[in-house]
Protein backbone atom coordinates (compact mmCIF):
# COMPACT_ATOMS: atom_id res chain seq x y z
CA UNK A 1 6.28 165.95 94.09
CA UNK A 2 7.34 166.55 90.52
CA UNK A 3 6.18 169.61 88.62
CA UNK A 4 4.01 169.00 85.55
CA UNK A 5 6.51 171.00 83.51
CA UNK A 6 9.26 168.49 84.33
CA UNK A 7 6.93 165.58 83.60
CA UNK A 8 6.36 166.97 80.11
CA UNK A 9 10.10 167.35 79.58
CA UNK A 10 10.66 163.75 80.66
CA UNK A 11 7.95 162.43 78.33
CA UNK A 12 9.45 164.43 75.46
CA UNK A 13 12.90 162.96 76.24
CA UNK A 14 11.37 159.47 76.17
CA UNK A 15 9.79 160.14 72.77
CA UNK A 16 13.14 161.42 71.53
CA UNK A 17 14.93 158.27 72.72
CA UNK A 18 12.35 155.96 71.11
CA UNK A 19 12.54 157.86 67.83
CA UNK A 20 16.30 157.31 67.76
CA UNK A 21 16.87 153.90 69.32
CA UNK A 22 19.99 153.31 67.22
CA UNK A 23 21.64 156.41 68.72
CA UNK A 24 23.71 156.59 71.89
CA UNK A 25 21.82 158.45 74.60
CA UNK A 26 23.62 159.66 77.70
CA UNK A 27 21.81 160.89 80.76
CA UNK A 28 23.84 164.10 80.71
CA UNK A 29 22.93 164.83 77.08
CA UNK A 30 19.25 164.00 77.65
CA UNK A 31 19.18 166.19 80.76
CA UNK A 32 20.79 169.08 78.90
CA UNK A 33 18.38 168.68 75.98
CA UNK A 34 15.50 168.76 78.49
CA UNK A 35 16.81 171.80 80.33
CA UNK A 36 17.20 169.88 83.59
CA UNK A 37 20.19 168.98 85.72
CA UNK A 38 21.30 165.34 85.36
CA UNK A 39 20.17 164.57 88.91
CA UNK A 40 16.75 166.17 88.43
CA UNK A 41 16.37 164.38 85.10
CA UNK A 42 17.15 160.98 86.66
CA UNK A 43 14.83 161.52 89.64
CA UNK A 44 11.98 162.81 87.47
CA UNK A 45 12.43 160.03 84.90
CA UNK A 46 12.14 157.38 87.58
CA UNK A 47 9.09 159.16 88.98
CA UNK A 48 7.34 159.16 85.58
CA UNK A 49 8.39 155.71 84.30
CA UNK A 50 9.11 153.79 87.51
CA UNK A 51 12.63 152.76 86.54
CA UNK A 52 16.03 154.28 85.71
CA UNK A 53 16.57 155.84 82.28
CA UNK A 54 18.88 153.16 80.92
CA UNK A 55 16.77 150.26 82.21
CA UNK A 56 13.74 151.77 80.49
CA UNK A 57 15.73 152.40 77.29
CA UNK A 58 17.14 148.86 77.24
CA UNK A 59 13.60 147.48 77.53
CA UNK A 60 12.38 149.71 74.68
CA UNK A 61 15.28 148.54 72.51
CA UNK A 62 14.50 144.88 73.26
CA UNK A 63 10.80 145.40 72.49
CA UNK A 64 11.62 147.04 69.14
CA UNK A 65 14.04 144.21 68.36
CA UNK A 66 11.35 141.65 69.18
CA UNK A 67 8.96 143.34 66.74
CA UNK A 68 11.66 143.38 64.04
CA UNK A 69 12.52 139.73 64.65
CA UNK A 70 8.87 138.80 64.10
CA UNK A 71 8.07 141.11 61.20
CA UNK A 72 11.32 141.33 59.21
CA UNK A 73 12.77 137.86 58.64
CA UNK A 74 15.04 139.26 55.92
CA UNK A 75 17.02 141.26 58.52
CA UNK A 76 19.97 139.54 60.15
CA UNK A 77 20.30 139.49 63.93
CA UNK A 78 23.30 141.82 63.54
CA UNK A 79 21.27 144.31 61.48
CA UNK A 80 18.48 144.30 64.06
CA UNK A 81 21.05 144.77 66.83
CA UNK A 82 22.45 147.80 64.99
CA UNK A 83 18.98 149.26 64.35
CA UNK A 84 18.17 149.22 68.06
CA UNK A 85 21.46 150.72 69.19
CA UNK A 86 23.97 147.89 69.63
CA UNK A 87 27.28 147.82 67.80
CA UNK A 88 27.87 144.22 68.83
CA UNK A 89 25.40 141.41 68.06
CA UNK A 90 26.79 139.33 70.93
CA UNK A 91 26.07 142.03 73.50
CA UNK A 92 22.62 142.55 71.98
CA UNK A 93 21.90 138.81 72.16
CA UNK A 94 22.94 138.67 75.82
CA UNK A 95 20.69 141.61 76.74
CA UNK A 96 17.79 140.22 74.69
CA UNK A 97 18.13 136.82 76.36
CA UNK A 98 18.20 138.42 79.82
CA UNK A 99 14.91 140.22 79.07
CA UNK A 100 13.05 137.58 77.03
CA UNK A 101 14.64 134.37 78.30
CA UNK A 102 15.63 133.18 74.81
CA UNK A 103 18.17 134.21 72.21
CA UNK A 104 17.02 136.46 69.36
CA UNK A 105 17.40 133.52 66.94
CA UNK A 106 15.21 131.27 69.12
CA UNK A 107 12.69 134.08 69.61
CA UNK A 108 12.45 134.50 65.84
CA UNK A 109 11.99 130.79 65.17
CA UNK A 110 9.28 130.51 67.84
CA UNK A 111 7.44 133.53 66.41
CA UNK A 112 6.87 131.95 63.02
């Protein structure tokens, strides 16, 4: 069973990641920032959110990108990719398609 103290640290780490989606987040750095060992951080994160850190973060990035695709037609796909933490629009598009089943461009055109 996870301590409430660790649960709070995990939720704070999640808020931190969401507030900086364009930044690179490593498990080691997040664990250190939270005052937990990397192993404890990973186990506790999965306990709180039901999935591994990077799976959860990838899904948050895709969800933010989806919102930007719908609400900011002036932004290019590359700019949106950068804003949610991808340096490469191709990699972003592949991840987005895996999660949503369509390319970012198709998602945008269907959202209009």
